[in-house]
């Protein structure tokens, strides 16, 4: 059997743009023959799609799907905003969101392996085909699901391009026995609030204790720089920490709809009107492109790593 060298793998990659592992497999299947390996990649549909794989994909769409007491939100990225307006791409994002909802799938790898609608392909295979057709790199970035019991899930899409599709998608889960139609109206307003304020946690008690201590230390250092006595410094820190909680804790935030009540008060008022307790069981806010960075990899190390496998 012909030895598959690093130089040969690099040559095939440069020629086709396919991934390292795919290039190695193609050369193995072709017994080292470069042109046969190129044909193998083309037949598998890997060459055209993989040429796009090195390009940054931070545009795209967030998609939400909701049914009764369950909601799902996904983010599928592409290279340009133009693709986000493509009907085929929009159909794919809608389809993936619905699959996540139907199967209560909150793991991206599981979602990739799930059968896509009536086709005989997986979601990942369908995406590869879409990449080759549209001509841009795309990726399934993240997925999450909310399902309170009992209760309802409401959604809001900011900058919507189509129903359930846009730039900022929010789901909010209300745990309650109150009527679903009443809760949907409240839930949508709360979801709009979350879209606008981007809270980090439901309540101050659920914020990571390490984050709170770090904030406290920074505020204390700032207060001591004023030269005030320690007892005054402590009061200054507590006052500033309260403002910090009002920024990051959903229940402590001022309701953007009326600009007066805290979210905790909004829930209390709604509970009295509905005749049943209402609690926020969870929320999800997906803003397009969050946490996406372009990778800069050491090609030589990548080749060596692949050849070891």
C-alpha atoms as a PDB file:
ATOM      1  CA  UNK A   1       0.000   0.000   0.000  1.00  0.00           C
ATOM      2  CA  UNK A   2       1.281   3.469  -0.938  1.00  0.00           C
ATOM      3  CA  UNK A   3       2.430   5.594   1.996  1.00  0.00           C
ATOM      4  CA  UNK A   4       0.218   8.669   2.527  1.00  0.00           C
ATOM      5  CA  UNK A   5       2.636  11.489   3.279  1.00  0.00           C
ATOM      6  CA  UNK A   6       1.975  14.881   4.819  1.00  0.00           C
ATOM      7  CA  UNK A   7       3.046  16.566   1.581  1.00  0.00           C
ATOM      8  CA  UNK A   8       0.532  14.495  -0.401  1.00  0.00           C
ATOM      9  CA  UNK A   9      -2.286  15.360   2.000  1.00  0.00           C
ATOM     10  CA  UNK A  10      -1.384  19.049   1.789  1.00  0.00           C
ATOM     11  CA  UNK A  11      -1.322  18.910  -2.005  1.00  0.00           C
ATOM     12  CA  UNK A  12      -4.797  17.397  -2.134  1.00  0.00           C
ATOM     13  CA  UNK A  13      -6.120  19.897   0.359  1.00  0.00           C
ATOM     14  CA  UNK A  14      -4.673  22.810  -1.619  1.00  0.00           C
ATOM     15  CA  UNK A  15      -6.240  21.400  -4.777  1.00  0.00           C
ATOM     16  CA  UNK A  16      -9.726  20.738  -3.402  1.00  0.00           C
ATOM     17  CA  UNK A  17     -10.113  22.711  -0.193  1.00  0.00           C
ATOM     18  CA  UNK A  18     -11.454  19.581   1.513  1.00  0.00           C
ATOM     19  CA  UNK A  19     -10.790  18.810   5.177  1.00  0.00           C
ATOM     20  CA  UNK A  20      -7.645  17.088   6.391  1.00  0.00           C
ATOM     21  CA  UNK A  21      -9.327  13.855   7.437  1.00  0.00           C
ATOM     22  CA  UNK A  22     -11.304  13.717   4.190  1.00  0.00           C
ATOM     23  CA  UNK A  23      -8.111  14.211   2.169  1.00  0.00           C
ATOM     24  CA  UNK A  24      -6.318  11.452   4.019  1.00  0.00           C
ATOM     25  CA  UNK A  25      -9.276   9.086   3.540  1.00  0.00           C
ATOM     26  CA  UNK A  26      -9.543   9.958  -0.151  1.00  0.00           C
ATOM     27  CA  UNK A  27      -5.852   9.252  -0.741  1.00  0.00           C
ATOM     28  CA  UNK A  28      -6.132   5.984   1.160  1.00  0.00           C
ATOM     29  CA  UNK A  29      -9.126   4.933  -0.949  1.00  0.00           C
ATOM     30  CA  UNK A  30      -7.275   5.961  -4.128  1.00  0.00           C
ATOM     31  CA  UNK A  31      -4.028   4.249  -3.072  1.00  0.00           C
ATOM     32  CA  UNK A  32      -2.201   7.563  -3.193  1.00  0.00           C
ATOM     33  CA  UNK A  33      -3.379   8.596  -6.675  1.00  0.00           C
ATOM     34  CA  UNK A  34      -4.023  12.342  -6.499  1.00  0.00           C
ATOM     35  CA  UNK A  35      -6.512  12.638  -9.374  1.00  0.00           C
ATOM     36  CA  UNK A  36      -8.448   9.591  -8.218  1.00  0.00           C
ATOM     37  CA  UNK A  37      -8.576  11.110  -4.750  1.00  0.00           C
ATOM     38  CA  UNK A  38      -9.956  14.347  -6.219  1.00  0.00           C
ATOM     39  CA  UNK A  39     -12.687  12.349  -7.989  1.00  0.00           C
ATOM     40  CA  UNK A  40     -13.463  10.473  -4.758  1.00  0.00           C
ATOM     41  CA  UNK A  41     -13.993  13.756  -2.913  1.00  0.00           C
ATOM     42  CA  UNK A  42     -16.161  15.166  -5.702  1.00  0.00           C
ATOM     43  CA  UNK A  43     -18.332  12.054  -5.749  1.00  0.00           C
ATOM     44  CA  UNK A  44     -18.859  12.386  -2.001  1.00  0.00           C
ATOM     45  CA  UNK A  45     -19.825  16.035  -2.417  1.00  0.00           C
ATOM     46  CA  UNK A  46     -17.045  17.055  -0.050  1.00  0.00           C
ATOM     47  CA  UNK A  47     -14.835  19.097  -2.333  1.00  0.00           C
ATOM     48  CA  UNK A  48     -17.264  21.890  -3.219  1.00  0.00           C
ATOM     49  CA  UNK A  49     -18.563  22.272   0.328  1.00  0.00           C
ATOM     50  CA  UNK A  50     -15.203  22.005   2.066  1.00  0.00           C
ATOM     51  CA  UNK A  51     -13.667  24.814  -0.006  1.00  0.00           C
ATOM     52  CA  UNK A  52     -15.846  27.141   2.043  1.00  0.00           C
ATOM     53  CA  UNK A  53     -14.999  25.639   5.421  1.00  0.00           C
ATOM     54  CA  UNK A  54     -12.127  27.998   6.218  1.00  0.00           C
ATOM     55  CA  UNK A  55     -14.221  31.109   5.827  1.00  0.00           C
ATOM     56  CA  UNK A  56     -15.778  32.868   8.791  1.00  0.00           C
ATOM     57  CA  UNK A  57     -19.523  32.303   9.213  1.00  0.00           C
ATOM     58  CA  UNK A  58     -20.928  34.839  11.659  1.00  0.00           C
ATOM     59  CA  UNK A  59     -24.068  35.895   9.793  1.00  0.00           C
ATOM     60  CA  UNK A  60     -27.109  33.676   9.297  1.00  0.00           C
ATOM     61  CA  UNK A  61     -30.296  33.295  11.318  1.00  0.00           C
ATOM     62  CA  UNK A  62     -31.659  32.463  14.731  1.00  0.00           C
ATOM     63  CA  UNK A  63     -34.786  30.310  14.547  1.00  0.00           C
ATOM     64  CA  UNK A  64     -37.438  29.607  17.186  1.00  0.00           C
ATOM     65  CA  UNK A  65     -40.220  27.046  17.315  1.00  0.00           C
ATOM     66  CA  UNK A  66     -42.857  26.828  20.050  1.00  0.00           C
ATOM     67  CA  UNK A  67     -45.704  24.427  20.837  1.00  0.00           C
ATOM     68  CA  UNK A  68     -47.688  24.605  24.083  1.00  0.00           C
ATOM     69  CA  UNK A  69     -45.253  24.091  26.953  1.00  0.00           C
ATOM     70  CA  UNK A  70     -42.105  23.529  24.900  1.00  0.00           C
ATOM     71  CA  UNK A  71     -39.877  25.824  22.877  1.00  0.00           C
ATOM     72  CA  UNK A  72     -36.646  25.416  20.906  1.00  0.00           C
ATOM     73  CA  UNK A  73     -34.156  27.968  19.612  1.00  0.00           C
ATOM     74  CA  UNK A  74     -31.307  27.342  17.149  1.00  0.00           C
ATOM     75  CA  UNK A  75     -28.596  29.381  15.482  1.00  0.00           C
ATOM     76  CA  UNK A  76     -27.381  28.501  11.997  1.00  0.00           C
ATOM     77  CA  UNK A  77     -24.563  30.645  10.635  1.00  0.00           C
ATOM     78  CA  UNK A  78     -23.553  31.675   7.125  1.00  0.00           C
ATOM     79  CA  UNK A  79     -20.968  34.074   5.739  1.00  0.00           C
ATOM     80  CA  UNK A  80     -23.223  36.882   4.552  1.00  0.00           C
ATOM     81  CA  UNK A  81     -26.524  38.506   5.417  1.00  0.00           C
ATOM     82  CA  UNK A  82     -27.534  37.886   1.795  1.00  0.00           C
ATOM     83  CA  UNK A  83     -27.807  34.144   2.461  1.00  0.00           C
ATOM     84  CA  UNK A  84     -30.036  34.819   5.473  1.00  0.00           C
ATOM     85  CA  UNK A  85     -32.582  36.147   2.972  1.00  0.00           C
ATOM     86  CA  UNK A  86     -32.370  33.022   0.841  1.00  0.00           C
ATOM     87  CA  UNK A  87     -35.658  31.072   1.057  1.00  0.00           C
ATOM     88  CA  UNK A  88     -33.891  27.696   0.954  1.00  0.00           C
ATOM     89  CA  UNK A  89     -31.660  28.687   3.867  1.00  0.00           C
ATOM     90  CA  UNK A  90     -34.656  30.014   5.805  1.00  0.00           C
ATOM     91  CA  UNK A  91     -36.515  26.760   5.192  1.00  0.00           C
ATOM     92  CA  UNK A  92     -33.546  24.815   6.530  1.00  0.00           C
ATOM     93  CA  UNK A  93     -33.318  26.900   9.731  1.00  0.00           C
ATOM     94  CA  UNK A  94     -37.070  26.553  10.286  1.00  0.00           C
ATOM     95  CA  UNK A  95     -36.816  22.819   9.725  1.00  0.00           C
ATOM     96  CA  UNK A  96     -33.939  22.408  12.164  1.00  0.00           C
ATOM     97  CA  UNK A  97     -35.762  24.443  14.843  1.00  0.00           C
ATOM     98  CA  UNK A  98     -38.839  22.242  14.400  1.00  0.00           C
ATOM     99  CA  UNK A  99     -36.744  19.070  14.695  1.00  0.00           C
ATOM    100  CA  UNK A 100     -35.218  20.360  17.934  1.00  0.00           C
ATOM    101  CA  UNK A 101     -38.709  21.141  19.226  1.00  0.00           C
ATOM    102  CA  UNK A 102     -40.254  17.804  18.233  1.00  0.00           C
ATOM    103  CA  UNK A 103     -37.412  15.755  19.671  1.00  0.00           C
ATOM    104  CA  UNK A 104     -36.614  18.023  22.642  1.00  0.00           C
ATOM    105  CA  UNK A 105     -33.030  18.076  21.318  1.00  0.00           C
ATOM    106  CA  UNK A 106     -30.725  20.422  23.224  1.00  0.00           C
ATOM    107  CA  UNK A 107     -27.393  18.997  22.075  1.00  0.00           C
ATOM    108  CA  UNK A 108     -25.853  20.195  18.815  1.00  0.00           C
ATOM    109  CA  UNK A 109     -24.129  16.881  17.988  1.00  0.00           C
ATOM    110  CA  UNK A 110     -27.378  14.962  18.484  1.00  0.00           C
ATOM    111  CA  UNK A 111     -29.180  17.461  16.272  1.00  0.00           C
ATOM    112  CA  UNK A 112     -26.596  17.009  13.507  1.00  0.00           C
ATOM    113  CA  UNK A 113     -27.237  13.246  13.480  1.00  0.00           C
ATOM    114  CA  UNK A 114     -31.027  13.583  13.420  1.00  0.00           C
ATOM    115  CA  UNK A 115     -32.901  12.690  10.225  1.00  0.00           C
ATOM    116  CA  UNK A 116     -33.866  15.832   8.310  1.00  0.00           C
ATOM    117  CA  UNK A 117     -37.560  15.854   7.442  1.00  0.00           C
ATOM    118  CA  UNK A 118     -38.590  13.537   4.609  1.00  0.00           C
ATOM    119  CA  UNK A 119     -35.090  13.245   3.125  1.00  0.00           C
ATOM    120  CA  UNK A 120     -32.880  10.275   3.832  1.00  0.00           C
ATOM    121  CA  UNK A 121     -30.101  12.530   5.016  1.00  0.00           C
ATOM    122  CA  UNK A 122     -29.079  13.687   8.477  1.00  0.00           C
ATOM    123  CA  UNK A 123     -29.219  17.374   9.369  1.00  0.00           C
ATOM    124  CA  UNK A 124     -25.434  17.553   8.968  1.00  0.00           C
ATOM    125  CA  UNK A 125     -25.587  15.943   5.514  1.00  0.00           C
ATOM    126  CA  UNK A 126     -28.399  18.274   4.480  1.00  0.00           C
ATOM    127  CA  UNK A 127     -26.303  21.243   5.589  1.00  0.00           C
ATOM    128  CA  UNK A 128     -23.323  20.005   3.557  1.00  0.00           C
ATOM    129  CA  UNK A 129     -25.556  19.808   0.504  1.00  0.00           C
ATOM    130  CA  UNK A 130     -26.848  23.318   1.177  1.00  0.00           C
ATOM    131  CA  UNK A 131     -23.275  24.642   1.427  1.00  0.00           C
ATOM    132  CA  UNK A 132     -22.435  23.159  -1.962  1.00  0.00           C
ATOM    133  CA  UNK A 133     -25.633  24.564  -3.496  1.00  0.00           C
ATOM    134  CA  UNK A 134     -25.537  28.081  -2.058  1.00  0.00           C
ATOM    135  CA  UNK A 135     -21.756  28.492  -2.196  1.00  0.00           C
ATOM    136  CA  UNK A 136     -21.068  29.771   1.331  1.00  0.00           C
ATOM    137  CA  UNK A 137     -19.719  28.213   4.475  1.00  0.00           C
ATOM    138  CA  UNK A 138     -22.448  27.460   7.027  1.00  0.00           C
ATOM    139  CA  UNK A 139     -22.528  25.882  10.461  1.00  0.00           C
ATOM    140  CA  UNK A 140     -24.926  24.736  13.148  1.00  0.00           C
ATOM    141  CA  UNK A 141     -23.764  26.865  16.057  1.00  0.00           C
ATOM    142  CA  UNK A 142     -26.062  26.057  19.009  1.00  0.00           C
ATOM    143  CA  UNK A 143     -29.454  24.751  20.105  1.00  0.00           C
ATOM    144  CA  UNK A 144     -31.442  24.856  23.344  1.00  0.00           C
ATOM    145  CA  UNK A 145     -34.874  23.812  24.587  1.00  0.00           C
ATOM    146  CA  UNK A 146     -37.192  24.963  27.376  1.00  0.00           C
ATOM    147  CA  UNK A 147     -40.096  22.893  28.706  1.00  0.00           C
ATOM    148  CA  UNK A 148     -41.737  23.930  32.013  1.00  0.00           C
ATOM    149  CA  UNK A 149     -44.254  21.611  33.631  1.00  0.00           C
ATOM    150  CA  UNK A 150     -46.841  22.868  34.235  1.00  0.00           C
ATOM    151  CA  UNK A 151     -46.598  26.087  32.276  1.00  0.00           C
ATOM    152  CA  UNK A 152     -46.071  27.722  28.894  1.00  0.00           C
ATOM    153  CA  UNK A 153     -43.216  28.854  26.678  1.00  0.00           C
ATOM    154  CA  UNK A 154     -43.474  32.178  24.836  1.00  0.00           C
ATOM    155  CA  UNK A 155     -41.172  33.577  22.179  1.00  0.00           C
ATOM    156  CA  UNK A 156     -40.095  36.839  20.614  1.00  0.00           C
ATOM    157  CA  UNK A 157     -37.974  37.440  17.534  1.00  0.00           C
ATOM    158  CA  UNK A 158     -36.228  40.780  17.106  1.00  0.00           C
ATOM    159  CA  UNK A 159     -35.436  42.008  13.591  1.00  0.00           C
ATOM    160  CA  UNK A 160     -37.505  39.169  12.135  1.00  0.00           C
ATOM    161  CA  UNK A 161     -36.915  38.354   8.464  1.00  0.00           C
ATOM    162  CA  UNK A 162     -39.706  35.780   8.423  1.00  0.00           C
ATOM    163  CA  UNK A 163     -41.969  34.129  11.045  1.00  0.00           C
ATOM    164  CA  UNK A 164     -39.711  32.609  13.718  1.00  0.00           C
ATOM    165  CA  UNK A 165     -36.513  33.768  12.015  1.00  0.00           C
ATOM    166  CA  UNK A 166     -34.310  36.767  12.778  1.00  0.00           C
ATOM    167  CA  UNK A 167     -31.267  38.201  14.541  1.00  0.00           C
ATOM    168  CA  UNK A 168     -32.217  37.907  18.232  1.00  0.00           C
ATOM    169  CA  UNK A 169     -34.445  35.058  19.366  1.00  0.00           C
ATOM    170  CA  UNK A 170     -35.817  34.775  22.895  1.00  0.00           C
ATOM    171  CA  UNK A 171     -37.713  32.027  24.689  1.00  0.00           C
ATOM    172  CA  UNK A 172     -39.133  32.413  28.176  1.00  0.00           C
ATOM    173  CA  UNK A 173     -40.665  29.627  30.250  1.00  0.00           C
ATOM    174  CA  UNK A 174     -43.392  30.470  32.768  1.00  0.00           C
ATOM    175  CA  UNK A 175     -44.167  27.851  35.367  1.00  0.00           C
ATOM    176  CA  UNK A 176     -47.851  28.209  36.266  1.00  0.00           C
ATOM    177  CA  UNK A 177     -51.286  26.599  36.176  1.00  0.00           C
ATOM    178  CA  UNK A 178     -52.893  29.790  34.839  1.00  0.00           C
ATOM    179  CA  UNK A 179     -54.633  29.819  31.444  1.00  0.00           C
ATOM    180  CA  UNK A 180     -52.225  29.415  28.543  1.00  0.00           C
ATOM    181  CA  UNK A 181     -53.690  32.294  26.500  1.00  0.00           C
ATOM    182  CA  UNK A 182     -53.185  34.728  29.388  1.00  0.00           C
ATOM    183  CA  UNK A 183     -49.642  33.531  29.921  1.00  0.00           C
ATOM    184  CA  UNK A 184     -48.698  33.766  26.224  1.00  0.00           C
ATOM    185  CA  UNK A 185     -49.444  37.489  26.220  1.00  0.00           C
ATOM    186  CA  UNK A 186     -47.406  38.040  29.388  1.00  0.00           C
ATOM    187  CA  UNK A 187     -44.650  35.742  28.156  1.00  0.00           C
ATOM    188  CA  UNK A 188     -44.226  37.615  24.876  1.00  0.00           C
ATOM    189  CA  UNK A 189     -43.848  40.936  26.710  1.00  0.00           C
ATOM    190  CA  UNK A 190     -41.295  39.411  29.076  1.00  0.00           C
ATOM    191  CA  UNK A 191     -39.439  37.913  26.093  1.00  0.00           C
ATOM    192  CA  UNK A 192     -39.328  41.379  24.488  1.00  0.00           C
ATOM    193  CA  UNK A 193     -37.885  42.698  27.751  1.00  0.00           C
ATOM    194  CA  UNK A 194     -35.172  39.995  27.738  1.00  0.00           C
ATOM    195  CA  UNK A 195     -34.303  40.821  24.130  1.00  0.00           C
ATOM    196  CA  UNK A 196     -33.798  44.469  25.096  1.00  0.00           C
ATOM    197  CA  UNK A 197     -31.913  44.032  28.400  1.00  0.00           C
ATOM    198  CA  UNK A 198     -29.955  40.748  27.981  1.00  0.00           C
ATOM    199  CA  UNK A 199     -30.035  39.631  31.647  1.00  0.00           C
ATOM    200  CA  UNK A 200     -27.480  37.062  32.794  1.00  0.00           C
ATOM    201  CA  UNK A 201     -29.621  35.181  35.292  1.00  0.00           C
ATOM    202  CA  UNK A 202     -33.211  34.874  36.536  1.00  0.00           C
ATOM    203  CA  UNK A 203     -32.428  36.182  40.016  1.00  0.00           C
ATOM    204  CA  UNK A 204     -29.473  37.453  42.008  1.00  0.00           C
ATOM    205  CA  UNK A 205     -29.396  34.109  43.825  1.00  0.00           C
ATOM    206  CA  UNK A 206     -28.711  32.252  40.577  1.00  0.00           C
ATOM    207  CA  UNK A 207     -25.777  34.415  39.478  1.00  0.00           C
ATOM    208  CA  UNK A 208     -22.437  32.633  39.696  1.00  0.00           C
ATOM    209  CA  UNK A 209     -21.059  33.396  43.181  1.00  0.00           C
ATOM    210  CA  UNK A 210     -17.557  33.843  41.737  1.00  0.00           C
ATOM    211  CA  UNK A 211     -18.842  36.590  39.414  1.00  0.00           C
ATOM    212  CA  UNK A 212     -20.519  38.382  42.310  1.00  0.00           C
ATOM    213  CA  UNK A 213     -17.347  38.242  44.423  1.00  0.00           C
ATOM    214  CA  UNK A 214     -15.264  39.514  41.526  1.00  0.00           C
ATOM    215  CA  UNK A 215     -17.656  42.420  41.041  1.00  0.00           C
ATOM    216  CA  UNK A 216     -17.616  43.135  44.771  1.00  0.00           C
ATOM    217  CA  UNK A 217     -13.804  43.223  44.805  1.00  0.00           C
ATOM    218  CA  UNK A 218     -13.684  45.653  41.872  1.00  0.00           C
ATOM    219  CA  UNK A 219     -16.299  47.920  43.438  1.00  0.00           C
ATOM    220  CA  UNK A 220     -14.474  47.870  46.793  1.00  0.00           C
ATOM    221  CA  UNK A 221     -11.208  48.867  45.150  1.00  0.00           C
ATOM    222  CA  UNK A 222     -12.930  51.717  43.333  1.00  0.00           C
ATOM    223  CA  UNK A 223     -14.632  52.891  46.528  1.00  0.00           C
ATOM    224  CA  UNK A 224     -11.411  52.818  48.581  1.00  0.00           C
ATOM    225  CA  UNK A 225      -9.731  54.980  45.955  1.00  0.00           C
ATOM    226  CA  UNK A 226     -12.067  57.773  47.061  1.00  0.00           C
ATOM    227  CA  UNK A 227     -10.269  57.902  50.430  1.00  0.00           C
ATOM    228  CA  UNK A 228     -13.477  57.428  52.410  1.00  0.00           C
ATOM    229  CA  UNK A 229     -13.513  55.544  55.769  1.00  0.00           C
ATOM    230  CA  UNK A 230     -14.001  51.780  55.574  1.00  0.00           C
ATOM    231  CA  UNK A 231     -17.554  51.895  56.935  1.00  0.00           C
ATOM    232  CA  UNK A 232     -18.485  54.365  54.182  1.00  0.00           C
ATOM    233  CA  UNK A 233     -16.706  52.196  51.630  1.00  0.00           C
ATOM    234  CA  UNK A 234     -18.872  49.222  52.646  1.00  0.00           C
ATOM    235  CA  UNK A 235     -22.051  51.223  52.122  1.00  0.00           C
ATOM    236  CA  UNK A 236     -20.801  52.448  48.749  1.00  0.00           C
ATOM    237  CA  UNK A 237     -20.061  48.874  47.668  1.00  0.00           C
ATOM    238  CA  UNK A 238     -23.504  47.629  48.707  1.00  0.00           C
ATOM    239  CA  UNK A 239     -25.168  50.471  46.824  1.00  0.00           C
ATOM    240  CA  UNK A 240     -23.184  49.815  43.658  1.00  0.00           C
ATOM    241  CA  UNK A 241     -23.706  46.060  43.983  1.00  0.00           C
ATOM    242  CA  UNK A 242     -27.456  46.683  44.085  1.00  0.00           C
ATOM    243  CA  UNK A 243     -27.175  48.538  40.782  1.00  0.00           C
ATOM    244  CA  UNK A 244     -25.146  45.627  39.392  1.00  0.00           C
ATOM    245  CA  UNK A 245     -27.955  43.196  40.285  1.00  0.00           C
ATOM    246  CA  UNK A 246     -30.482  45.510  38.644  1.00  0.00           C
ATOM    247  CA  UNK A 247     -28.483  45.207  35.444  1.00  0.00           C
ATOM    248  CA  UNK A 248     -27.888  41.440  35.310  1.00  0.00           C
ATOM    249  CA  UNK A 249     -30.701  39.829  37.338  1.00  0.00           C
ATOM    250  CA  UNK A 250     -33.982  39.549  35.411  1.00  0.00           C
ATOM    251  CA  UNK A 251     -36.225  39.766  38.482  1.00  0.00           C
ATOM    252  CA  UNK A 252     -34.357  42.873  39.670  1.00  0.00           C
ATOM    253  CA  UNK A 253     -34.571  44.689  36.342  1.00  0.00           C
ATOM    254  CA  UNK A 254     -37.004  47.514  35.644  1.00  0.00           C
ATOM    255  CA  UNK A 255     -39.685  46.416  33.196  1.00  0.00           C
ATOM    256  CA  UNK A 256     -39.002  48.094  29.839  1.00  0.00           C
ATOM    257  CA  UNK A 257     -42.693  48.016  28.927  1.00  0.00           C
ATOM    258  CA  UNK A 258     -43.760  50.487  31.631  1.00  0.00           C
ATOM    259  CA  UNK A 259     -40.390  51.754  32.912  1.00  0.00           C
ATOM    260  CA  UNK A 260     -41.583  51.560  36.535  1.00  0.00           C
ATOM    261  CA  UNK A 261     -42.118  48.098  38.017  1.00  0.00           C
ATOM    262  CA  UNK A 262     -39.465  45.484  38.676  1.00  0.00           C
ATOM    263  CA  UNK A 263     -39.982  42.190  36.843  1.00  0.00           C
ATOM    264  CA  UNK A 264     -40.656  40.507  40.199  1.00  0.00           C
ATOM    265  CA  UNK A 265     -43.559  42.938  40.714  1.00  0.00           C
ATOM    266  CA  UNK A 266     -44.836  42.326  37.189  1.00  0.00           C
ATOM    267  CA  UNK A 267     -45.079  38.602  37.983  1.00  0.00           C
ATOM    268  CA  UNK A 268     -46.831  39.256  41.313  1.00  0.00           C
ATOM    269  CA  UNK A 269     -49.383  41.520  39.646  1.00  0.00           C
ATOM    270  CA  UNK A 270     -50.003  38.997  36.859  1.00  0.00           C
ATOM    271  CA  UNK A 271     -50.389  36.171  39.390  1.00  0.00           C
ATOM    272  CA  UNK A 272     -53.075  38.105  41.283  1.00  0.00           C
ATOM    273  CA  UNK A 273     -54.969  38.757  38.065  1.00  0.00           C
ATOM    274  CA  UNK A 274     -54.666  35.150  36.878  1.00  0.00           C
ATOM    275  CA  UNK A 275     -55.453  33.643  40.269  1.00  0.00           C
ATOM    276  CA  UNK A 276     -52.393  31.364  40.199  1.00  0.00           C
ATOM    277  CA  UNK A 277     -48.698  31.672  41.065  1.00  0.00           C
ATOM    278  CA  UNK A 278     -46.345  32.515  38.175  1.00  0.00           C
ATOM    279  CA  UNK A 279     -42.593  31.924  38.175  1.00  0.00           C
ATOM    280  CA  UNK A 280     -39.944  32.278  35.481  1.00  0.00           C
ATOM    281  CA  UNK A 281     -38.575  28.761  35.070  1.00  0.00           C
ATOM    282  CA  UNK A 282     -35.961  29.792  32.515  1.00  0.00           C
ATOM    283  CA  UNK A 283     -35.125  31.992  29.559  1.00  0.00           C
ATOM    284  CA  UNK A 284     -32.922  31.777  26.472  1.00  0.00           C
ATOM    285  CA  UNK A 285     -31.587  34.691  24.448  1.00  0.00           C
ATOM    286  CA  UNK A 286     -29.699  33.890  21.245  1.00  0.00           C
ATOM    287  CA  UNK A 287     -28.136  36.908  19.525  1.00  0.00           C
ATOM    288  CA  UNK A 288     -26.716  36.107  16.097  1.00  0.00           C
ATOM    289  CA  UNK A 289     -22.943  35.691  16.033  1.00  0.00           C
ATOM    290  CA  UNK A 290     -22.353  35.587  19.802  1.00  0.00           C
ATOM    291  CA  UNK A 291     -19.114  33.812  20.711  1.00  0.00           C
ATOM    292  CA  UNK A 292     -18.028  33.143  17.131  1.00  0.00           C
ATOM    293  CA  UNK A 293     -14.344  33.666  16.407  1.00  0.00           C
ATOM    294  CA  UNK A 294     -12.346  32.771  13.342  1.00  0.00           C
ATOM    295  CA  UNK A 295      -9.835  30.041  14.048  1.00  0.00           C
ATOM    296  CA  UNK A 296      -6.165  30.489  13.157  1.00  0.00           C
ATOM    297  CA  UNK A 297      -4.625  27.041  13.131  1.00  0.00           C
ATOM    298  CA  UNK A 298      -1.078  25.816  12.684  1.00  0.00           C
ATOM    299  CA  UNK A 299      -1.284  23.927   9.384  1.00  0.00           C
ATOM    300  CA  UNK A 300       1.856  21.862   9.955  1.00  0.00           C
ATOM    301  CA  UNK A 301       0.611  20.705  13.352  1.00  0.00           C
ATOM    302  CA  UNK A 302      -2.777  19.911  11.839  1.00  0.00           C
ATOM    303  CA  UNK A 303      -1.234  17.706   9.152  1.00  0.00           C
ATOM    304  CA  UNK A 304       0.933  15.890  11.689  1.00  0.00           C
ATOM    305  CA  UNK A 305      -2.065  15.301  13.941  1.00  0.00           C
ATOM    306  CA  UNK A 306      -4.150  13.845  11.119  1.00  0.00           C
ATOM    307  CA  UNK A 307      -1.410  11.499   9.922  1.00  0.00           C
ATOM    308  CA  UNK A 308      -1.036  10.069  13.412  1.00  0.00           C
ATOM    309  CA  UNK A 309      -4.664   8.887  13.357  1.00  0.00           C
END
